[in-house]
Amino acid sequence: MNSEQTKSNNSALYTLITVFFFWGFIGASNGIFIPFCKAKFGLDQFQSQLIDFAFYGAYYIGALLLFIFSSIAKKDILNGWGFKKGIIYGLLVSTFGAVLMIIAVTQGSYLFILGALFIVALGFSLQQTSAQPFAASLGEPHSASSRLNLAGGINSLGTTIGPIVVSIALFGAIPLIEVDDEFIKKFAQKADSLDSMITLYIAVGALFLLAAALFHFSKKLPAGKSDSSFETANKAMQTLIAITVILVAIFAYIFSRYEDAEFITRFIENKEKDYLGLGLTVSTLLVVVIGLFFANTTAQKNPEGWGAMKYPQLVLGMLALFAYVGVEVTIGSNLGELLVTADFGSIAGPALAPYMSMYWGSLMIGRWAGAITVFNPSSQLKKILLIVVPYIAFGVVLAANAISGQDVTPLYAYAFVILFQIAGFFLGKDQPSRTLMIFGLMGMTAMLIGLFTTGTIAIFAFMSGGLFLSIMWPSIFSLAIAGLGKYTSQGSAFLVMMILGGGIIPPLQGKLADIIGIHTSYFIPVLCFAFIAFYGWKVIGILEKQGIGKEIEVGGAH
């Protein structure tokens, strides 16, 4: 690739990553809306988690619909549009969702709010399906995960800033990621609380339109198209539809139980253990896992009709991404509940903010370090930056908390934990699969330490999950779509569907926590990290059999 082409691609990449910031900024508001809506509408914990279910479920439905419509049209709709237009259309859908959110808030309907949030995230699904392969295509294959890490680092910056802005808009204060019910109730009683949400989404809708205009009028951003040929994957489509129908049926039954007076009395008011509810939530996980393993084994025997699913690196990558999104969301969603227990210092209310912020900030720390390669530093400079950049990012997280008035003193010792992540980068030797395996094992170890200890050590162990998760999305994504050729955008849609993990694994851990306790329930993240580590170990052998292992690994990024 000549220098002029590289310069052009870099300009396109810098324009593209603005939308990644956008996702982080908007998506982070879920952490504020969940406790707000819980108190405002008198919800129990499961009902409040429907915000995550609606948000992450929309990614799955959006990507699935795109795939189905492409199959019916017998052409890749997204590729026909071009990735640039895909992003623009996605932003416009999100704008429509913001308008619906304004109406929903005006009417004070929780179900309407869930529906509006679903539409916002539906737009995000189209944006992500377009932007991920677009970013990966703007350079050599071996540096694809590095470009995605850069975009992910910008996304994490948005995640760090978003909760501060949203909490100010809703509460006139800066509680950050988590606040207690009493704090929420106090502000929910104010007449202007919902007015603030309306104002917020007017601004959000305007930002969506502004971003769409930025992409539409940007001359630096090419249309972004791959091979225009398209093969309908009827068997893959039928399998995904079957999985979806079963999931909808299970969740419909789960929701219907909340209309049963006996259920409400026994399990919500009397706090009985809901073993049937646990079984149902476990079954949603099994439906996805068994369905995809069925697809993988069947496609190996006869690949006709399976499209991108005939590639084992993709199908296993779908499961790995499902586990990744699930564990990322479930650690953060349940951390607040964990820290209020006596074994973890009874940390509640605004005092939770620095810990929750550092968990999400840990993702930024790793992604900033993982993006170093995209700037092509010398070998010696790169080694220095791998040590310095994580601590610069750490300082940004501390500063964000300090500016918001939080006590960051308890977080200073976390600087020691970051050393383990730095060691992981060096041990990974710039190889995506190796780095993924190492970080998966480190994440699993951290969760085990958290399970068998309490207090500060356990808190830091659970928070460090963010450090080890930080590089997983781009690594999994770039490895999973490697060698897919004309199936790249189809494979990208399949991968984006697996954001569904964020809507299934957290409720599963929540139901489990009701029965065995919140601390013990953290064995769920252990299993997720273990599978991700397995994928890092397994995928390189798969790619080598296809003759592309060295192309992906040599000179690769985190």
Protein backbone atom coordinates (compact mmCIF):
# COMPACT_ATOMS: atom_id res chain seq x y z
CA MET A 1 0.00 0.00 0.00
CA ASN A 2 1.55 3.33 -1.05
CA SER A 3 1.88 6.28 1.34
CA GLU A 4 -0.82 8.31 -0.42
CA GLN A 5 -3.33 5.48 -0.04
CA THR A 6 -2.32 5.05 3.60
CA LYS A 7 -2.86 8.76 4.24
CA SER A 8 -6.29 8.64 2.59
CA ASN A 9 -7.27 5.57 4.63
CA ASN A 10 -6.13 7.25 7.84
CA SER A 11 -8.29 10.29 7.07
CA ALA A 12 -11.26 8.01 6.44
CA LEU A 13 -10.56 6.13 9.68
CA TYR A 14 -10.46 9.33 11.75
CA THR A 15 -13.82 10.37 10.31
CA LEU A 16 -15.25 6.92 10.93
CA ILE A 17 -14.28 6.71 14.59
CA THR A 18 -16.45 9.73 15.44
CA VAL A 19 -19.46 7.42 15.34
CA PHE A 20 -17.74 5.01 17.74
CA PHE A 21 -17.54 7.86 20.25
CA PHE A 22 -21.25 8.38 19.68
CA TRP A 23 -22.17 4.78 20.56
CA GLY A 24 -20.19 4.95 23.79
CA PHE A 25 -21.66 8.29 24.77
CA ILE A 26 -25.29 7.21 24.21
CA GLY A 27 -24.97 3.58 25.29
CA ALA A 28 -23.49 4.55 28.65
CA SER A 29 -26.77 6.23 29.62
CA ASN A 30 -28.27 2.78 30.27
CA GLY A 31 -26.44 2.70 33.58
CA ILE A 32 -28.32 5.83 34.59
CA PHE A 33 -31.72 4.93 33.12
CA ILE A 34 -31.92 1.51 34.81
CA PRO A 35 -31.99 2.75 38.44
CA PHE A 36 -33.91 5.88 37.41
CA CYS A 37 -36.70 3.88 35.78
CA LYS A 38 -36.65 1.30 38.57
CA ALA A 39 -37.66 3.95 41.11
CA LYS A 40 -39.73 6.12 38.78
CA PHE A 41 -41.99 3.28 37.62
CA GLY A 42 -41.84 1.03 40.72
CA LEU A 43 -40.06 -1.89 39.02
CA ASP A 44 -38.33 -4.94 40.46
CA GLN A 45 -34.76 -5.79 39.49
CA PHE A 46 -35.67 -8.12 36.63
CA GLN A 47 -38.07 -5.59 35.09
CA SER A 48 -35.47 -2.82 35.33
CA GLN A 49 -33.01 -5.05 33.46
CA LEU A 50 -35.40 -5.05 30.50
CA ILE A 51 -33.63 -1.82 29.49
CA ASP A 52 -30.49 -3.83 28.73
CA PHE A 53 -32.62 -6.56 27.14
CA ALA A 54 -34.33 -4.06 24.81
CA PHE A 55 -31.06 -2.33 23.97
CA TYR A 56 -28.91 -5.36 23.24
CA GLY A 57 -31.78 -7.39 21.81
CA ALA A 58 -32.21 -4.69 19.16
CA TYR A 59 -28.68 -5.34 17.87
CA TYR A 60 -29.59 -8.96 17.31
CA ILE A 61 -32.95 -8.26 15.68
CA GLY A 62 -31.52 -5.50 13.47
CA ALA A 63 -28.69 -7.61 12.13
CA LEU A 64 -31.03 -10.60 11.67
CA LEU A 65 -33.56 -8.53 9.70
CA LEU A 66 -30.80 -7.17 7.46
CA PHE A 67 -29.68 -10.72 6.74
CA ILE A 68 -33.23 -11.96 6.06
CA PHE A 69 -34.04 -9.08 3.71
CA SER A 70 -30.76 -9.65 1.85
CA SER A 71 -31.62 -13.32 1.49
CA ILE A 72 -35.08 -12.52 0.15
CA ALA A 73 -33.63 -9.96 -2.31
CA LYS A 74 -30.82 -12.41 -3.17
CA LYS A 75 -28.26 -9.63 -2.86
CA ASP A 76 -26.25 -8.08 -0.06
CA ILE A 77 -28.33 -5.01 0.76
CA LEU A 78 -25.66 -3.45 2.97
CA ASN A 79 -22.97 -3.96 0.35
CA GLY A 80 -25.30 -2.48 -2.28
CA TRP A 81 -25.72 0.64 -0.16
CA GLY A 82 -22.06 0.82 0.77
CA PHE A 83 -20.86 0.92 4.37
CA LYS A 84 -20.97 4.73 4.42
CA LYS A 85 -24.68 4.85 3.55
CA GLY A 86 -25.31 2.03 6.01
CA ILE A 87 -23.96 4.23 8.79
CA ILE A 88 -26.03 7.20 7.62
CA TYR A 89 -29.25 5.15 7.46
CA GLY A 90 -28.50 3.75 10.91
CA LEU A 91 -28.09 7.25 12.33
CA LEU A 92 -31.43 8.27 10.83
CA VAL A 93 -33.16 5.26 12.41
CA SER A 94 -31.63 6.25 15.76
CA THR A 95 -32.91 9.79 15.22
CA PHE A 96 -36.42 8.39 14.80
CA GLY A 97 -35.92 6.42 18.02
CA ALA A 98 -34.91 9.60 19.84
CA VAL A 99 -38.13 11.26 18.67
CA LEU A 100 -40.14 8.29 19.94
CA MET A 101 -38.26 8.50 23.26
CA ILE A 102 -39.38 12.13 23.64
CA ILE A 103 -43.01 11.07 23.07
CA ALA A 104 -42.64 8.07 25.43
CA VAL A 105 -41.21 10.21 28.22
CA THR A 106 -43.95 12.78 27.70
CA GLN A 107 -46.56 10.04 28.16
CA GLY A 108 -44.68 8.51 31.12
CA SER A 109 -44.93 4.97 29.74
CA TYR A 110 -42.14 2.50 30.66
CA LEU A 111 -43.11 0.07 27.89
CA PHE A 112 -43.06 2.92 25.36
CA ILE A 113 -39.61 3.95 26.65
CA LEU A 114 -38.39 0.38 26.11
CA GLY A 115 -39.77 0.44 22.58
CA ALA A 116 -38.12 3.77 21.80
CA LEU A 117 -34.80 2.56 23.21
CA PHE A 118 -35.16 -0.53 21.01
CA ILE A 119 -35.47 1.70 17.91
CA VAL A 120 -32.43 3.77 18.93
CA ALA A 121 -30.38 0.59 19.32
CA LEU A 122 -31.81 -0.79 16.06
CA GLY A 123 -30.08 2.13 14.35
CA PHE A 124 -26.92 1.35 16.28
CA SER A 125 -27.11 -2.22 14.97
CA LEU A 126 -27.04 -1.01 11.36
CA GLN A 127 -24.24 1.44 12.17
CA GLN A 128 -22.12 -1.25 13.82
CA THR A 129 -22.74 -3.79 11.07
CA SER A 130 -21.46 -1.20 8.60
CA ALA A 131 -18.65 0.40 10.59
CA GLN A 132 -16.87 -2.71 11.89
CA PRO A 133 -15.91 -4.24 8.50
CA PHE A 134 -15.36 -0.72 7.13
CA ALA A 135 -12.73 0.03 9.77
CA ALA A 136 -11.18 -3.41 9.26
CA SER A 137 -10.93 -2.82 5.48
CA LEU A 138 -9.01 0.47 5.75
CA GLY A 139 -5.56 -1.11 5.70
CA GLU A 140 -3.66 -4.39 5.85
CA PRO A 141 -5.45 -7.45 7.31
CA HIS A 142 -2.87 -7.95 10.06
CA SER A 143 -3.52 -4.47 11.48
CA ALA A 144 -7.34 -4.70 11.36
CA SER A 145 -7.69 -5.37 15.09
CA SER A 146 -5.43 -2.38 15.80
CA ARG A 147 -7.75 -0.04 13.88
CA LEU A 148 -10.74 -1.50 15.69
CA ASN A 149 -8.90 -0.99 18.98
CA LEU A 150 -8.39 2.69 18.12
CA ALA A 151 -12.09 3.01 17.37
CA GLY A 152 -12.89 1.10 20.56
CA GLY A 153 -10.68 3.45 22.57
CA ILE A 154 -12.65 6.42 21.27
CA ASN A 155 -15.85 4.51 22.06
CA SER A 156 -14.65 4.04 25.64
CA LEU A 157 -13.87 7.75 25.94
CA GLY A 158 -17.51 8.37 25.05
CA THR A 159 -18.53 5.79 27.66
CA THR A 160 -16.49 7.65 30.29
CA ILE A 161 -17.94 11.07 29.46
CA GLY A 162 -21.52 9.99 28.65
CA PRO A 163 -22.68 9.03 32.18
CA ILE A 164 -21.45 12.34 33.58
CA VAL A 165 -23.40 14.39 31.02
CA VAL A 166 -26.51 12.20 31.28
CA SER A 167 -26.54 12.24 35.08
CA ILE A 168 -26.24 16.03 35.11
CA ALA A 169 -29.13 16.24 32.63
CA LEU A 170 -31.35 13.95 34.70
CA PHE A 171 -30.42 14.83 38.25
CA GLY A 172 -28.52 18.10 38.24
CA ALA A 173 -25.80 16.12 39.98
CA ILE A 174 -22.99 13.75 38.99
CA PRO A 175 -23.66 10.32 40.51
CA LEU A 176 -22.03 8.60 37.50
CA ILE A 177 -22.76 4.99 36.67
CA GLU A 178 -24.80 3.94 39.70
CA VAL A 179 -26.94 5.57 42.35
CA ASP A 180 -29.11 4.15 45.13
CA ASP A 181 -32.91 4.04 45.12
CA GLU A 182 -33.30 6.79 47.70
CA PHE A 183 -31.19 9.15 45.61
CA ILE A 184 -33.27 8.33 42.54
CA LYS A 185 -36.58 8.71 44.35
CA LYS A 186 -35.60 12.12 45.62
CA PHE A 187 -35.01 13.42 42.13
CA ALA A 188 -37.76 11.36 40.48
CA GLN A 189 -40.27 13.28 42.57
CA LYS A 190 -39.26 16.51 40.85
CA ALA A 191 -41.58 17.55 38.06
CA ASP A 192 -38.66 18.52 35.89
CA SER A 193 -37.00 15.08 36.00
CA LEU A 194 -38.90 13.82 32.97
CA ASP A 195 -38.56 17.25 31.39
CA SER A 196 -34.79 16.76 31.65
CA MET A 197 -35.08 13.45 29.79
CA ILE A 198 -37.03 15.21 27.06
CA THR A 199 -34.36 17.89 26.79
CA LEU A 200 -31.66 15.23 26.76
CA TYR A 201 -33.23 13.32 23.86
CA ILE A 202 -33.86 16.47 21.88
CA ALA A 203 -30.09 17.01 22.10
CA VAL A 204 -29.44 13.33 21.34
CA GLY A 205 -31.66 13.41 18.25
CA ALA A 206 -29.90 16.55 17.04
CA LEU A 207 -26.52 14.85 17.51
CA PHE A 208 -27.69 11.84 15.50
CA LEU A 209 -28.69 14.15 12.64
CA LEU A 210 -25.40 16.04 12.91
CA ALA A 211 -23.41 12.82 12.73
CA ALA A 212 -25.44 11.68 9.68
CA ALA A 213 -24.68 15.01 7.98
CA LEU A 214 -20.98 14.63 8.83
CA PHE A 215 -20.85 11.26 7.07
CA HIS A 216 -23.00 12.39 4.16
CA PHE A 217 -20.88 15.42 3.32
CA SER A 218 -17.47 13.94 4.18
CA LYS A 219 -15.39 13.67 1.00
CA LYS A 220 -12.67 11.76 2.83
CA LEU A 221 -14.89 8.78 3.52
CA PRO A 222 -15.25 6.38 0.55
CA ALA A 223 -18.50 4.49 -0.08
CA GLY A 224 -16.96 1.30 1.27
CA LYS A 225 -17.98 -1.76 -0.70
CA SER A 226 -16.61 -5.28 -0.95
CA ASP A 227 -17.27 -8.04 -3.48
CA SER A 228 -20.81 -7.45 -4.74
CA SER A 229 -21.69 -11.13 -5.19
CA PHE A 230 -24.08 -12.63 -2.67
CA GLU A 231 -25.05 -16.19 -1.82
CA THR A 232 -28.29 -16.78 0.02
CA ALA A 233 -27.70 -18.85 3.16
CA ASN A 234 -31.12 -20.43 3.63
CA LYS A 235 -30.01 -22.96 6.21
CA ALA A 236 -28.28 -20.31 8.29
CA MET A 237 -31.34 -18.08 8.02
CA GLN A 238 -33.70 -20.88 9.06
CA THR A 239 -31.51 -21.74 12.04
CA LEU A 240 -31.34 -18.13 13.21
CA ILE A 241 -35.09 -17.68 12.77
CA ALA A 242 -35.71 -20.88 14.76
CA ILE A 243 -33.42 -19.60 17.55
CA THR A 244 -35.26 -16.27 17.52
CA VAL A 245 -38.74 -17.84 17.66
CA ILE A 246 -37.75 -20.05 20.59
CA LEU A 247 -36.18 -17.12 22.45
CA VAL A 248 -39.25 -14.94 21.88
CA ALA A 249 -41.51 -17.73 23.16
CA ILE A 250 -39.41 -18.21 26.30
CA PHE A 251 -39.19 -14.51 27.08
CA ALA A 252 -42.90 -14.04 26.36
CA TYR A 253 -43.64 -16.69 28.99
CA ILE A 254 -41.20 -15.09 31.44
CA PHE A 255 -42.90 -11.72 30.98
CA SER A 256 -46.39 -13.23 31.29
CA ARG A 257 -45.51 -14.52 34.74
CA TYR A 258 -45.25 -10.93 35.92
CA GLU A 259 -48.96 -10.55 35.22
CA ASP A 260 -49.71 -13.44 37.61
CA ALA A 261 -50.73 -12.23 41.10
CA GLU A 262 -49.51 -15.48 42.72
CA PHE A 263 -46.08 -15.09 41.10
CA ILE A 264 -45.79 -11.48 42.27
CA THR A 265 -46.75 -12.45 45.82
CA ARG A 266 -44.53 -15.52 46.11
CA PHE A 267 -41.38 -14.47 44.32
CA ILE A 268 -41.32 -10.67 44.40
CA GLU A 269 -43.08 -9.76 47.64
CA ASN A 270 -42.15 -12.85 49.70
CA LYS A 271 -38.70 -13.19 48.11
CA GLU A 272 -39.03 -16.92 47.40
CA LYS A 273 -36.43 -18.53 45.16
CA ASP A 274 -37.62 -18.68 41.56
CA TYR A 275 -36.10 -21.93 40.30
CA LEU A 276 -38.41 -22.06 37.29
CA GLY A 277 -37.34 -18.53 36.34
CA LEU A 278 -33.72 -19.61 36.60
CA GLY A 279 -34.39 -22.63 34.42
CA LEU A 280 -36.05 -20.45 31.81
CA THR A 281 -33.16 -17.97 31.70
CA VAL A 282 -30.66 -20.84 31.46
CA SER A 283 -32.67 -22.25 28.57
CA THR A 284 -32.31 -18.97 26.62
CA LEU A 285 -28.53 -19.38 26.85
CA LEU A 286 -28.69 -23.03 25.81
CA VAL A 287 -30.87 -22.21 22.80
CA VAL A 288 -28.18 -19.88 21.42
CA VAL A 289 -25.22 -22.13 22.22
CA ILE A 290 -26.78 -25.38 21.00
CA GLY A 291 -28.21 -23.67 17.92
CA LEU A 292 -24.84 -22.30 16.83
CA PHE A 293 -22.99 -25.54 17.58
CA PHE A 294 -25.60 -27.34 15.49
CA ALA A 295 -24.94 -24.89 12.65
CA ASN A 296 -21.19 -25.37 12.94
CA THR A 297 -21.22 -29.18 12.92
CA THR A 298 -23.86 -29.42 10.19
CA ALA A 299 -22.09 -26.92 7.92
CA GLN A 300 -18.84 -28.85 8.27
CA LYS A 301 -20.52 -31.91 6.80
CA ASN A 302 -22.33 -30.05 4.01
CA PRO A 303 -21.50 -26.33 3.61
CA GLU A 304 -24.12 -25.70 0.91
CA GLY A 305 -26.76 -23.25 2.08
CA TRP A 306 -24.90 -22.10 5.17
CA GLY A 307 -23.19 -19.04 3.61
CA ALA A 308 -20.68 -17.47 6.01
CA MET A 309 -21.56 -20.03 8.66
CA LYS A 310 -19.58 -22.65 6.81
CA TYR A 311 -16.47 -20.95 8.22
CA PRO A 312 -15.69 -22.39 11.67
CA GLN A 313 -13.72 -19.28 12.67
CA LEU A 314 -16.93 -17.28 12.25
CA VAL A 315 -19.35 -19.57 14.09
CA LEU A 316 -17.00 -20.05 17.04
CA GLY A 317 -16.30 -16.31 16.87
CA MET A 318 -20.04 -15.66 17.17
CA LEU A 319 -20.11 -17.65 20.40
CA ALA A 320 -16.96 -15.90 21.62
CA LEU A 321 -18.48 -12.48 20.89
CA PHE A 322 -21.71 -13.54 22.61
CA ALA A 323 -19.66 -14.48 25.69
CA TYR A 324 -17.59 -11.28 25.46
CA VAL A 325 -20.54 -8.86 25.33
CA GLY A 326 -22.36 -10.88 27.97
CA VAL A 327 -19.46 -10.87 30.44
CA GLU A 328 -18.67 -7.19 29.82
CA VAL A 329 -22.25 -6.14 30.60
CA THR A 330 -22.86 -8.61 33.44
CA ILE A 331 -19.76 -7.61 35.42
CA GLY A 332 -20.78 -3.95 35.29
CA SER A 333 -24.51 -4.51 35.79
CA ASN A 334 -24.03 -6.64 38.90
CA LEU A 335 -21.03 -4.85 40.41
CA GLY A 336 -23.18 -2.23 42.15
CA GLU A 337 -25.27 -4.93 43.83
CA LEU A 338 -22.10 -6.74 44.90
CA LEU A 339 -20.45 -3.71 46.47
CA VAL A 340 -23.40 -2.92 48.74
CA THR A 341 -22.88 -6.21 50.60
CA ALA A 342 -21.04 -6.25 53.93
CA ASP A 343 -18.16 -8.37 52.59
CA PHE A 344 -17.40 -5.62 50.08
CA GLY A 345 -17.59 -2.67 52.44
CA SER A 346 -21.30 -1.80 52.09
CA ILE A 347 -20.43 0.74 49.41
CA ALA A 348 -23.67 2.37 48.26
CA GLY A 349 -25.10 5.41 46.53
CA PRO A 350 -22.76 7.96 44.97
CA ALA A 351 -19.82 6.23 46.70
CA LEU A 352 -20.18 3.48 44.10
CA ALA A 353 -19.34 5.88 41.29
CA PRO A 354 -15.51 5.69 41.32
CA TYR A 355 -15.55 1.89 41.26
CA MET A 356 -18.13 1.60 38.49
CA SER A 357 -16.34 4.31 36.53
CA MET A 358 -12.99 2.53 36.87
CA TYR A 359 -14.48 -0.72 35.60
CA TRP A 360 -15.71 0.92 32.40
CA GLY A 361 -12.59 3.09 32.28
CA SER A 362 -10.49 -0.08 32.32
CA LEU A 363 -11.87 -0.86 28.87
CA MET A 364 -10.53 2.48 27.67
CA ILE A 365 -7.14 1.83 29.28
CA GLY A 366 -6.67 -1.37 27.31
CA ARG A 367 -8.07 -0.05 24.05
CA TRP A 368 -5.81 2.97 24.05
CA ALA A 369 -2.83 0.66 24.50
CA GLY A 370 -4.14 -1.74 21.87
CA ALA A 371 -4.43 1.07 19.32
CA ILE A 372 -0.74 2.01 19.44
CA THR A 373 0.20 -0.11 16.42
CA VAL A 374 -2.11 1.84 14.09
CA PHE A 375 0.31 4.79 14.33
CA ASN A 376 3.27 2.63 13.21
CA PRO A 377 5.75 3.54 15.98
CA SER A 378 9.25 2.08 15.99
CA SER A 379 9.77 -1.12 17.92
CA GLN A 380 11.51 0.62 20.81
CA LEU A 381 8.97 3.45 20.99
CA LYS A 382 6.14 0.97 20.90
CA LYS A 383 7.51 -0.83 23.97
CA ILE A 384 7.68 2.47 25.82
CA LEU A 385 4.17 3.45 24.74
CA LEU A 386 2.75 0.09 25.88
CA ILE A 387 3.84 1.05 29.39
CA VAL A 388 3.08 4.79 29.30
CA VAL A 389 -0.26 4.91 27.42
CA PRO A 390 -2.21 2.71 29.90
CA TYR A 391 -1.24 5.03 32.73
CA ILE A 392 -2.19 8.10 30.69
CA ALA A 393 -5.63 6.54 30.18
CA PHE A 394 -5.72 5.66 33.88
CA GLY A 395 -5.06 9.31 34.65
CA VAL A 396 -7.94 10.36 32.37
CA VAL A 397 -10.35 8.10 34.29
CA LEU A 398 -9.11 9.47 37.63
CA ALA A 399 -9.42 13.03 36.34
CA ALA A 400 -12.97 12.47 35.09
CA ASN A 401 -13.97 11.25 38.54
CA ALA A 402 -12.09 13.98 40.36
CA ILE A 403 -13.66 16.72 38.24
CA SER A 404 -17.09 15.28 39.02
CA GLY A 405 -16.35 15.61 42.73
CA GLN A 406 -15.68 11.94 43.52
CA ASP A 407 -13.06 10.66 45.97
CA VAL A 408 -10.52 8.84 43.80
CA THR A 409 -8.13 7.93 46.64
CA PRO A 410 -9.32 4.29 46.82
CA LEU A 411 -8.41 3.86 43.14
CA TYR A 412 -4.73 4.79 43.36
CA ALA A 413 -3.68 1.22 44.19
CA TYR A 414 -5.35 0.03 41.00
CA ALA A 415 -2.24 1.27 39.21
CA PHE A 416 -0.55 -1.97 40.32
CA VAL A 417 -3.26 -4.10 38.65
CA ILE A 418 -2.64 -2.36 35.32
CA LEU A 419 0.85 -3.91 35.29
CA PHE A 420 -0.74 -7.31 34.63
CA GLN A 421 -2.47 -5.98 31.54
CA ILE A 422 0.80 -4.47 30.29
CA ALA A 423 2.47 -7.85 30.83
CA GLY A 424 -0.31 -9.46 28.81
CA PHE A 425 0.38 -7.14 25.88
CA PHE A 426 4.07 -8.05 25.87
CA LEU A 427 3.33 -11.76 26.19
CA GLY A 428 0.85 -11.49 23.32
CA LYS A 429 3.66 -10.49 20.94
CA ASP A 430 1.33 -8.50 18.66
CA GLN A 431 -0.60 -11.65 17.69
CA PRO A 432 -4.40 -11.32 17.95
CA SER A 433 -5.16 -14.96 18.75
CA ARG A 434 -2.30 -15.29 21.25
CA THR A 435 -3.25 -12.01 22.95
CA LEU A 436 -6.91 -13.07 23.07
CA MET A 437 -6.02 -16.38 24.71
CA ILE A 438 -3.72 -14.72 27.27
CA PHE A 439 -6.24 -12.03 28.15
CA GLY A 440 -8.99 -14.65 28.40
CA LEU A 441 -6.91 -16.66 30.87
CA MET A 442 -6.02 -13.51 32.83
CA GLY A 443 -9.69 -12.51 32.99
CA MET A 444 -10.66 -15.98 34.17
CA THR A 445 -7.95 -15.87 36.85
CA ALA A 446 -9.09 -12.42 37.99
CA MET A 447 -12.69 -13.61 38.35
CA LEU A 448 -11.55 -16.65 40.37
CA ILE A 449 -9.53 -14.40 42.68
CA GLY A 450 -12.63 -12.24 43.12
CA LEU A 451 -14.74 -15.33 43.88
CA PHE A 452 -12.47 -16.65 46.61
CA THR A 453 -11.64 -13.34 48.31
CA THR A 454 -13.52 -10.31 49.59
CA GLY A 455 -12.82 -6.63 50.23
CA THR A 456 -10.43 -4.53 48.17
CA ILE A 457 -8.61 -7.47 46.56
CA ALA A 458 -11.87 -8.92 45.24
CA ILE A 459 -13.15 -5.51 44.13
CA PHE A 460 -9.99 -4.83 42.15
CA ALA A 461 -10.09 -8.37 40.70
CA PHE A 462 -13.63 -7.90 39.41
CA MET A 463 -12.90 -4.38 38.12
CA SER A 464 -9.84 -5.70 36.27
CA GLY A 465 -12.20 -7.68 34.07
CA GLY A 466 -12.47 -4.45 32.10
CA LEU A 467 -8.71 -4.43 31.50
CA PHE A 468 -8.74 -7.91 30.01
CA LEU A 469 -11.98 -7.44 28.08
CA SER A 470 -10.70 -4.25 26.48
CA ILE A 471 -9.05 -5.83 23.45
CA MET A 472 -11.46 -8.70 22.91
CA TRP A 473 -14.06 -7.18 20.58
CA PRO A 474 -11.58 -6.15 17.85
CA SER A 475 -9.52 -9.31 18.25
CA ILE A 476 -12.52 -11.62 18.02
CA PHE A 477 -14.10 -9.62 15.21
CA SER A 478 -10.98 -9.47 13.01
CA LEU A 479 -10.20 -13.16 13.57
CA ALA A 480 -13.80 -14.23 12.92
CA ILE A 481 -14.14 -12.41 9.56
CA ALA A 482 -10.63 -13.33 8.38
CA GLY A 483 -10.77 -15.12 5.05
CA LEU A 484 -14.52 -14.66 4.52
CA GLY A 485 -14.12 -12.72 1.26
CA LYS A 486 -17.52 -12.04 -0.30
CA TYR A 487 -19.16 -13.22 2.91
CA THR A 488 -17.52 -10.49 5.00
CA SER A 489 -20.57 -8.25 5.45
CA GLN A 490 -22.80 -11.27 6.02
CA GLY A 491 -20.37 -12.54 8.65
CA SER A 492 -20.28 -9.07 10.18
CA ALA A 493 -24.07 -9.14 10.51
CA PHE A 494 -23.88 -12.53 12.24
CA LEU A 495 -21.28 -11.19 14.67
CA VAL A 496 -23.28 -8.07 15.49
CA MET A 497 -26.24 -10.34 16.27
CA MET A 498 -24.18 -11.79 19.09
CA ILE A 499 -24.39 -8.53 21.02
CA LEU A 500 -27.49 -10.41 22.18
CA GLY A 501 -25.18 -11.83 24.86
CA GLY A 502 -25.58 -8.54 26.71
CA GLY A 503 -29.31 -9.16 26.93
CA ILE A 504 -29.15 -12.81 28.05
CA ILE A 505 -26.13 -13.34 30.31
CA PRO A 506 -26.76 -10.44 32.78
CA PRO A 507 -30.37 -11.52 33.53
CA LEU A 508 -29.08 -15.08 33.92
CA GLN A 509 -26.52 -14.00 36.51
CA GLY A 510 -29.18 -11.83 38.17
CA LYS A 511 -31.60 -14.77 38.51
CA LEU A 512 -28.75 -16.92 39.76
CA ALA A 513 -27.78 -14.28 42.32
CA ASP A 514 -31.30 -14.39 43.77
CA ILE A 515 -30.80 -18.08 44.53
CA ILE A 516 -27.10 -18.54 45.45
CA GLY A 517 -26.06 -14.97 46.27
CA ILE A 518 -24.54 -12.15 44.24
CA HIS A 519 -20.92 -13.01 45.07
CA THR A 520 -21.14 -16.69 44.13
CA SER A 521 -22.99 -15.81 40.93
CA TYR A 522 -19.74 -14.37 39.56
CA PHE A 523 -18.72 -17.85 38.42
CA ILE A 524 -20.69 -16.95 35.26
CA PRO A 525 -17.94 -14.50 34.12
CA VAL A 526 -15.36 -17.25 34.81
CA LEU A 527 -17.05 -19.50 32.26
CA CYS A 528 -17.30 -16.67 29.72
CA PHE A 529 -13.61 -15.81 29.97
CA ALA A 530 -12.71 -19.52 29.71
CA PHE A 531 -14.56 -19.88 26.40
CA ILE A 532 -12.97 -16.72 25.00
CA ALA A 533 -9.52 -18.08 25.91
CA PHE A 534 -10.43 -21.34 24.18
CA TYR A 535 -11.41 -19.44 21.02
CA GLY A 536 -8.06 -17.62 21.01
CA TRP A 537 -6.29 -20.98 21.18
CA LYS A 538 -8.52 -22.75 18.66
CA VAL A 539 -8.96 -20.12 15.94
CA ILE A 540 -5.33 -19.82 14.86
CA GLY A 541 -5.25 -23.52 14.01
CA ILE A 542 -8.43 -23.09 11.95
CA LEU A 543 -6.95 -20.14 10.04
CA GLU A 544 -3.67 -21.96 9.43
CA LYS A 545 -5.59 -24.84 7.84
CA GLN A 546 -7.09 -22.28 5.46
CA GLY A 547 -3.62 -20.93 4.68
CA ILE A 548 -4.20 -17.46 6.15
CA GLY A 549 -2.89 -17.88 9.70
CA LYS A 550 0.42 -16.12 9.08
CA GLU A 551 -1.24 -13.25 7.21
CA ILE A 552 -3.42 -12.53 10.23
CA GLU A 553 -0.78 -13.03 12.92
CA VAL A 554 2.42 -11.56 11.48
CA GLY A 555 2.63 -7.95 12.45
CA GLY A 556 -0.85 -8.17 13.94
CA ALA A 557 -2.17 -5.92 16.63
CA HIS A 558 -4.04 -6.41 19.86
